[in-house]
Protein backbone atom coordinates (compact mmCIF):
# COMPACT_ATOMS: atom_id res chain seq x y z
CA UNK A 1 115.63 122.93 74.42
CA UNK A 2 112.15 122.34 73.51
CA UNK A 3 108.90 124.70 73.41
CA UNK A 4 105.28 124.62 73.77
CA UNK A 5 105.44 123.37 70.01
CA UNK A 6 107.75 120.60 70.40
CA UNK A 7 107.14 119.44 73.61
CA UNK A 8 106.80 115.73 74.03
CA UNK A 9 106.34 113.28 77.27
CA UNK A 10 109.95 111.82 77.82
CA UNK A 11 109.96 108.33 79.51
CA UNK A 12 113.44 107.23 78.79
CA UNK A 13 116.43 109.19 80.85
CA UNK A 14 119.83 108.89 80.86
CA UNK A 15 122.23 108.54 83.46
CA UNK A 16 123.35 111.92 83.92
CA UNK A 17 122.78 113.57 87.25
CA UNK A 18 120.16 115.95 87.88
CA UNK A 19 122.28 118.25 90.56
CA UNK A 20 120.22 119.44 93.89
CA UNK A 21 121.47 122.92 93.04
CA UNK A 22 119.33 123.28 89.32
CA UNK A 23 116.21 121.11 90.73
CA UNK A 24 115.91 123.70 93.87
CA UNK A 25 116.68 127.12 91.43
CA UNK A 26 113.37 125.88 89.20
CA UNK A 27 111.67 124.61 92.23
CA UNK A 28 112.50 127.99 93.53
CA UNK A 29 111.72 129.78 90.46
CA UNK A 30 108.44 128.17 89.82
CA UNK A 31 106.94 129.36 93.15
CA UNK A 32 106.53 132.55 90.85
CA UNK A 33 103.49 131.26 89.35
CA UNK A 34 99.88 132.38 89.79
CA UNK A 35 98.54 131.45 93.15
CA UNK A 36 94.96 132.24 95.16
CA UNK A 37 95.22 135.13 97.75
CA UNK A 38 99.35 134.58 97.39
CA UNK A 39 99.03 131.41 99.78
CA UNK A 40 101.12 129.38 97.51
CA UNK A 41 99.12 126.30 98.51
CA UNK A 42 101.10 123.30 97.01
CA UNK A 43 104.01 121.31 98.49
CA UNK A 44 106.64 119.19 96.39
CA UNK A 45 107.76 115.79 98.07
CA UNK A 46 111.12 115.00 96.16
CA UNK A 47 111.90 111.39 95.74
CA UNK A 48 115.64 109.69 94.87
CA UNK A 49 116.12 107.04 96.95
CA UNK A 50 115.66 103.68 94.68
CA UNK A 51 113.69 102.29 97.53
CA UNK A 52 111.58 105.08 97.45
CA UNK A 53 110.82 105.36 93.85
CA UNK A 54 110.20 101.48 93.91
CA UNK A 55 107.29 101.55 96.78
CA UNK A 56 105.70 104.42 94.83
CA UNK A 57 105.53 102.83 91.45
CA UNK A 58 102.36 100.39 91.87
CA UNK A 59 100.59 103.72 92.80
CA UNK A 60 101.24 104.30 88.97
CA UNK A 61 100.66 101.22 87.62
CA UNK A 62 104.29 100.24 87.63
CA UNK A 63 104.97 102.54 84.57
CA UNK A 64 108.89 101.89 84.62
CA UNK A 65 109.93 106.00 84.23
CA UNK A 66 108.89 106.01 87.79
CA UNK A 67 112.16 103.68 88.86
CA UNK A 68 114.24 104.62 86.24
CA UNK A 69 113.65 108.49 86.47
CA UNK A 70 116.63 109.58 88.51
CA UNK A 71 113.76 112.19 90.32
CA UNK A 72 110.09 111.75 90.78
CA UNK A 73 108.34 114.46 92.12
CA UNK A 74 104.86 114.52 93.96
CA UNK A 75 103.02 117.58 93.74
CA UNK A 76 100.61 118.20 96.32
CA UNK A 77 97.57 119.88 97.13
CA UNK A 78 98.30 121.81 100.42
CA UNK A 79 95.88 123.31 102.86
CA UNK A 80 97.89 122.00 106.04
CA UNK A 81 100.69 124.16 106.34
CA UNK A 82 98.51 127.36 105.89
CA UNK A 83 96.30 126.41 108.78
CA UNK A 84 98.94 125.70 110.64
CA UNK A 85 100.03 128.91 110.08
CA UNK A 86 97.03 130.55 110.74
CA UNK A 87 96.62 128.51 114.56
CA UNK A 88 99.71 129.71 115.07
CA UNK A 89 99.10 133.21 114.64
CA UNK A 90 96.05 133.33 116.83
CA UNK A 91 93.92 132.82 113.55
CA UNK A 92 91.21 129.93 113.37
CA UNK A 93 91.53 127.90 109.58
CA UNK A 94 88.38 126.67 108.08
CA UNK A 95 89.94 125.17 105.18
CA UNK A 96 88.31 121.30 105.78
CA UNK A 97 86.43 121.51 102.96
CA UNK A 98 85.79 120.34 99.50
CA UNK A 99 86.17 124.08 97.74
CA UNK A 100 89.76 124.23 99.66
CA UNK A 101 90.51 121.01 98.03
CA UNK A 102 89.88 122.71 95.01
CA UNK A 103 91.27 126.01 95.45
CA UNK A 104 94.71 123.80 96.75
CA UNK A 105 93.99 121.66 93.76
CA UNK A 106 94.33 124.67 90.89
CA UNK A 107 97.71 126.08 92.71
CA UNK A 108 99.43 122.73 92.60
CA UNK A 109 98.65 122.34 89.18
CA UNK A 110 99.51 125.65 88.25
CA UNK A 111 102.55 125.52 90.17
CA UNK A 112 102.97 121.78 88.07
CA UNK A 113 102.70 123.80 84.72
CA UNK A 114 105.06 126.46 85.28
CA UNK A 115 107.77 123.45 86.18
CA UNK A 116 107.09 121.99 83.10
CA UNK A 117 108.28 125.14 80.86
CA UNK A 118 111.20 125.57 83.21
CA UNK A 119 112.18 122.27 82.49
CA UNK A 120 111.70 122.54 78.78
CA UNK A 121 113.98 125.33 79.05
CA UNK A 122 116.64 123.26 80.45
CA UNK A 123 116.54 121.00 78.61
CA UNK A 124 115.52 118.78 80.78
CA UNK A 125 112.58 115.60 79.98
CA UNK A 126 109.88 114.82 82.02
CA UNK A 127 106.74 112.92 82.34
CA UNK A 128 103.01 113.80 83.61
CA UNK A 129 101.82 111.12 85.30
CA UNK A 130 97.96 111.62 85.83
CA UNK A 131 97.40 108.38 87.69
CA UNK A 132 98.73 110.25 90.84
CA UNK A 133 94.80 110.78 91.25
CA UNK A 134 94.05 107.56 90.66
CA UNK A 135 95.09 105.26 93.93
CA UNK A 136 96.00 108.25 96.40
CA UNK A 137 95.53 106.70 99.41
CA UNK A 138 98.80 104.36 97.99
CA UNK A 139 100.85 107.80 97.26
CA UNK A 140 99.72 108.98 100.83
CA UNK A 141 100.91 106.38 103.30
CA UNK A 142 104.38 106.24 101.54
CA UNK A 143 104.79 110.08 101.52
CA UNK A 144 103.42 109.99 105.42
CA UNK A 145 101.38 112.91 104.05
CA UNK A 146 99.19 114.45 106.65
CA UNK A 147 95.83 115.96 107.14
CA UNK A 148 95.08 118.46 104.36
CA UNK A 149 97.03 117.56 102.26
CA UNK A 150 96.24 115.56 98.94
CA UNK A 151 98.94 114.39 95.98
CA UNK A 152 97.45 115.56 92.77
CA UNK A 153 100.33 115.45 90.27
CA UNK A 154 103.64 113.80 89.49
CA UNK A 155 106.47 114.30 87.77
CA UNK A 156 109.38 111.80 86.28
CA UNK A 157 112.56 114.31 85.69
CA UNK A 158 115.59 113.18 83.84
CA UNK A 159 117.78 114.09 81.11
CA UNK A 160 115.91 113.02 78.13
CA UNK A 161 117.43 109.40 76.41
CA UNK A 162 115.19 109.47 73.86
CA UNK A 163 113.60 111.66 71.01
CA UNK A 164 109.64 110.45 70.63
CA UNK A 165 107.70 111.99 68.00
CA UNK A 166 105.12 114.54 68.67
CA UNK A 167 101.69 113.58 69.47
CA UNK A 168 98.85 114.62 67.53
CA UNK A 169 96.34 117.33 69.03
CA UNK A 170 92.84 118.56 67.91
CA UNK A 171 92.52 121.79 65.87
CA UNK A 172 92.01 124.97 67.63
CA UNK A 173 88.35 125.49 66.58
CA UNK A 174 87.67 122.32 68.25
CA UNK A 175 87.97 123.70 71.89
CA UNK A 176 87.61 127.70 71.31
CA UNK A 177 84.12 128.87 71.64
CA UNK A 178 83.21 132.54 70.88
CA UNK A 179 80.88 134.24 73.19
CA UNK A 180 79.15 130.76 74.09
CA UNK A 181 79.65 127.43 74.46
CA UNK A 182 78.53 125.23 71.11
CA UNK A 183 77.93 122.34 71.23
CA UNK A 184 78.93 119.62 68.87
CA UNK A 185 76.99 118.25 65.78
CA UNK A 186 77.88 114.68 64.20
CA UNK A 187 79.60 117.07 61.19
CA UNK A 188 81.25 118.55 63.93
CA UNK A 189 82.90 115.74 65.75
CA UNK A 190 83.62 114.21 61.84
CA UNK A 191 85.59 116.97 60.96
CA UNK A 192 87.45 117.46 64.16
CA UNK A 193 88.67 114.17 65.17
CA UNK A 194 89.39 113.36 61.18
CA UNK A 195 93.08 113.74 61.29
CA UNK A 196 93.55 111.78 64.79
CA UNK A 197 91.49 108.59 63.84
CA UNK A 198 93.08 108.74 60.63
CA UNK A 199 96.77 108.33 61.74
CA UNK A 200 98.01 105.20 61.33
CA UNK A 201 98.67 104.05 64.34
CA UNK A 202 95.48 104.49 65.94
CA UNK A 203 94.05 102.51 63.11
CA UNK A 204 96.35 100.08 64.02
CA UNK A 205 95.31 100.12 67.72
CA UNK A 206 91.91 99.43 66.28
CA UNK A 207 92.99 96.45 64.87
CA UNK A 208 95.08 94.87 66.96
CA UNK A 209 92.14 95.80 69.62
CA UNK A 210 89.34 94.50 67.51
CA UNK A 211 87.69 97.55 67.64
CA UNK A 212 85.19 99.32 65.47
CA UNK A 213 86.51 103.05 66.49
CA UNK A 214 89.09 104.83 68.36
CA UNK A 215 86.58 105.91 70.75
CA UNK A 216 85.94 102.19 71.33
CA UNK A 217 89.88 102.23 72.78
CA UNK A 218 89.11 104.57 75.50
CA UNK A 219 85.72 103.75 76.28
CA UNK A 220 86.15 100.19 76.91
CA UNK A 221 90.20 99.47 77.34
CA UNK A 222 91.46 102.87 78.33
CA UNK A 223 89.32 104.80 80.89
CA UNK A 224 86.28 102.61 81.71
CA UNK A 225 83.08 103.24 83.26
CA UNK A 226 83.74 100.54 85.87
CA UNK A 227 87.55 101.31 86.83
CA UNK A 228 86.59 105.00 86.76
CA UNK A 229 83.84 104.39 89.22
CA UNK A 230 86.28 102.20 91.35
CA UNK A 231 88.66 104.71 91.23
CA UNK A 232 86.38 107.70 92.41
CA UNK A 233 85.00 105.93 95.16
CA UNK A 234 88.98 105.50 96.24
CA UNK A 235 89.46 109.31 95.66
CA UNK A 236 86.70 110.14 97.80
CA UNK A 237 87.51 107.62 100.38
CA UNK A 238 90.90 109.40 99.89
CA UNK A 239 89.37 113.80 100.77
CA UNK A 240 87.78 111.87 103.37
CA UNK A 241 90.64 110.62 105.38
CA UNK A 242 92.44 113.56 104.61
CA UNK A 243 89.89 115.72 105.88
CA UNK A 244 88.65 117.90 102.72
CA UNK A 245 85.03 116.47 102.58
CA UNK A 246 83.17 114.68 105.88
CA UNK A 247 82.96 111.09 105.85
């Protein structure tokens, strides 16, 4: 069993089944998480079918855990259900706007984090896929998501078949600000990032990629301006098609 201090991302899973009974119990328990207006502005698509996982994999850059995990969960920001409820109750919904997308996204991410906590308590392994919002239209089409539903997060789920080491984290003082935001000086950056930059694996990462600094790995290779702009355009287009922003 893990807790926050021992949490790691699990990408390799055993053949042991994740039962519907267990999964449903945890999905239901997670519904006690915080939610705007008690509306529960999220939906979860559970994928177990091998062919469906194969179809989803390209949207996540073919990361192997998408097809290897027993279960893939796609958590969506969902104002469709609430809007349908309103229309059937003599009310006129007005949730086809960007603020509603933000509210539903927050609900979906809070629910996702609660699920992660519950999975830890059960000893289940999982990996959070940030790629969900990189190519959302593929996921929308595959999962047949209607208007006012957007994929926000993906979790691959299974019983762990690995024990990866803990990844590093920045120190508390690097992200907690007292009373007002205190901007960072060069000395602050040197101090806060010294441990991360000094790790042997990160130094090696720079060497094999012929980069002078770890920051260049992120700006020049992992999360480039060109890629960010292209995927931003795709995200905006998907939000337009799903009805959250006007074309």
